[in-house]
C-alpha atoms as a PDB file:
ATOM      1  CA  MET A   1       1.502 -15.119  12.955  1.00  0.00           C
ATOM      2  CA  THR A   2       2.733 -13.876   9.391  1.00  0.00           C
ATOM      3  CA  VAL A   3       5.495 -11.698   8.255  1.00  0.00           C
ATOM      4  CA  TYR A   4       4.657  -9.397   5.604  1.00  0.00           C
ATOM      5  CA  TYR A   5       6.506  -7.050   3.117  1.00  0.00           C
ATOM      6  CA  PHE A   6       5.710  -4.057   1.953  1.00  0.00           C
ATOM      7  CA  HIS A   7       6.819  -3.471  -1.143  1.00  0.00           C
ATOM      8  CA  PHE A   8       6.471   0.094  -3.080  1.00  0.00           C
ATOM      9  CA  GLN A   9       6.364  -0.242  -7.031  1.00  0.00           C
ATOM     10  CA  SER A  10       5.728   3.042  -8.968  1.00  0.00           C
ATOM     11  CA  GLY A  11       6.370   2.214 -12.653  1.00  0.00           C
ATOM     12  CA  HIS A  12       9.314  -0.282 -12.947  1.00  0.00           C
ATOM     13  CA  ARG A  13      11.046   1.146 -10.004  1.00  0.00           C
ATOM     14  CA  LEU A  14      10.503  -1.001  -6.859  1.00  0.00           C
ATOM     15  CA  ILE A  15      11.197  -0.016  -3.414  1.00  0.00           C
ATOM     16  CA  MET A  16      11.579  -3.045  -1.181  1.00  0.00           C
ATOM     17  CA  ASP A  17      10.833  -3.451   2.743  1.00  0.00           C
ATOM     18  CA  PRO A  18      13.564  -4.898   4.060  1.00  0.00           C
ATOM     19  CA  ASP A  19      12.092  -6.209   7.825  1.00  0.00           C
ATOM     20  CA  GLY A  20       8.329  -6.533   7.209  1.00  0.00           C
ATOM     21  CA  VAL A  21       5.890  -6.348  10.057  1.00  0.00           C
ATOM     22  CA  GLU A  22       4.091  -9.511  11.943  1.00  0.00           C
ATOM     23  CA  LEU A  23       0.724  -9.230  11.606  1.00  0.00           C
ATOM     24  CA  GLN A  24      -2.186 -11.589  12.322  1.00  0.00           C
ATOM     25  CA  SER A  25      -3.934 -12.037   8.793  1.00  0.00           C
ATOM     26  CA  THR A  26      -4.243 -10.696   5.747  1.00  0.00           C
ATOM     27  CA  ALA A  27      -7.078  -8.322   6.627  1.00  0.00           C
ATOM     28  CA  ASP A  28      -4.340  -6.575   8.907  1.00  0.00           C
ATOM     29  CA  ALA A  29      -1.875  -6.679   6.036  1.00  0.00           C
ATOM     30  CA  LEU A  30      -4.335  -4.710   4.053  1.00  0.00           C
ATOM     31  CA  GLU A  31      -5.578  -2.513   6.692  1.00  0.00           C
ATOM     32  CA  VAL A  32      -1.529  -1.413   6.985  1.00  0.00           C
ATOM     33  CA  ALA A  33      -0.994  -1.296   3.090  1.00  0.00           C
ATOM     34  CA  ALA A  34      -4.022   1.304   2.895  1.00  0.00           C
ATOM     35  CA  LYS A  35      -2.288   3.179   5.804  1.00  0.00           C
ATOM     36  CA  LEU A  36       0.709   3.515   4.280  1.00  0.00           C
ATOM     37  CA  ALA A  37      -0.776   4.304   0.892  1.00  0.00           C
ATOM     38  CA  ALA A  38      -2.835   7.071   2.531  1.00  0.00           C
ATOM     39  CA  GLY A  39       0.169   8.697   3.520  1.00  0.00           C
ATOM     40  CA  LEU A  40       1.811   8.749   0.382  1.00  0.00           C
ATOM     41  CA  LEU A  41      -0.803  10.283  -1.402  1.00  0.00           C
ATOM     42  CA  ASP A  42      -1.083  12.759   1.682  1.00  0.00           C
ATOM     43  CA  ASP A  43       2.789  13.668   0.961  1.00  0.00           C
ATOM     44  CA  ARG A  44       2.895  16.647  -0.824  1.00  0.00           C
ATOM     45  CA  GLU A  45       6.897  16.740  -1.432  1.00  0.00           C
ATOM     46  CA  MET A  46       6.551  13.203  -2.847  1.00  0.00           C
ATOM     47  CA  SER A  47       5.674  12.800  -6.545  1.00  0.00           C
ATOM     48  CA  CYS A  48       5.545   9.759  -8.768  1.00  0.00           C
ATOM     49  CA  ASP A  49       2.805   8.224 -11.272  1.00  0.00           C
ATOM     50  CA  TRP A  50      -0.054   7.628  -8.766  1.00  0.00           C
ATOM     51  CA  ALA A  51      -1.763   5.534 -11.669  1.00  0.00           C
ATOM     52  CA  ARG A  52       1.219   3.105 -12.203  1.00  0.00           C
ATOM     53  CA  SER A  53       2.235   2.827  -8.144  1.00  0.00           C
ATOM     54  CA  ALA A  54       0.807   0.159  -6.158  1.00  0.00           C
ATOM     55  CA  PHE A  55       2.218  -1.792  -2.627  1.00  0.00           C
ATOM     56  CA  ARG A  56       2.735  -5.190  -3.574  1.00  0.00           C
ATOM     57  CA  VAL A  57       2.505  -7.283  -0.204  1.00  0.00           C
ATOM     58  CA  GLU A  58       4.384 -10.515   0.155  1.00  0.00           C
ATOM     59  CA  ASP A  59       4.638 -13.045   3.007  1.00  0.00           C
ATOM     60  CA  GLN A  60       7.770 -14.592   4.690  1.00  0.00           C
ATOM     61  CA  HIS A  61       8.194 -17.191   1.457  1.00  0.00           C
ATOM     62  CA  GLN A  62       8.031 -14.517  -0.765  1.00  0.00           C
ATOM     63  CA  ARG A  63       4.427 -15.181  -2.039  1.00  0.00           C
ATOM     64  CA  ARG A  64       2.294 -12.597  -3.509  1.00  0.00           C
ATOM     65  CA  VAL A  65      -0.257 -12.059  -0.850  1.00  0.00           C
ATOM     66  CA  PHE A  66      -2.140  -8.985  -2.760  1.00  0.00           C
ATOM     67  CA  ARG A  67      -1.269  -5.683  -4.517  1.00  0.00           C
ATOM     68  CA  LEU A  68      -2.830  -2.428  -3.614  1.00  0.00           C
ATOM     69  CA  PRO A  69      -2.730   0.141  -6.402  1.00  0.00           C
ATOM     70  CA  LEU A  70      -2.657   3.234  -4.622  1.00  0.00           C
ATOM     71  CA  THR A  71      -5.456   4.841  -7.402  1.00  0.00           C
ATOM     72  CA  THR A  72      -8.034   2.942  -5.087  1.00  0.00           C
ATOM     73  CA  VAL A  73      -6.551   4.353  -1.770  1.00  0.00           C
ATOM     74  CA  ARG A  74      -7.051   7.597  -3.806  1.00  0.00           C
ATOM     75  CA  ASP A  75     -10.905   6.890  -5.326  1.00  0.00           C
ATOM     76  CA  ARG A  76     -11.874   5.966  -1.585  1.00  0.00           C
ATOM     77  CA  ASP A  77     -10.600   8.983   0.230  1.00  0.00           C
ATOM     78  CA  ASN A  78     -12.303  11.147  -2.247  1.00  0.00           C
ATOM     79  CA  ARG A  79     -15.921   8.900  -1.754  1.00  0.00           C
ATOM     80  CA  SER A  80     -15.155   9.526   2.100  1.00  0.00           C
ATOM     81  CA  ARG A  81     -14.795  13.426   1.922  1.00  0.00           C
ATOM     82  CA  ALA A  82     -17.714  13.754  -0.723  1.00  0.00           C
ATOM     83  CA  PHE A  83     -19.848  12.321   2.130  1.00  0.00           C
ATOM     84  CA  VAL A  84     -18.352  14.092   4.751  1.00  0.00           C
ATOM     85  CA  ASN A  85     -18.662  17.559   3.134  1.00  0.00           C
END
């Protein structure tokens, strides 16, 4: 198991995840990051530059695992809704 940290970056502002989450795989970490991003996008009170926002995911050794831009999650959600309607 690996501990993954989900840091939120918007422009130059970085909000660090101090606790992290223990997960089985990078695929699980990607799923968690996508759910966190979708939650922020759905939050009507949250305002930031979505085009410059992302989750920066690191492991317990402070190595970058991946970066998930919020625009990719928003675009995926919009495509999914187009197929539902």
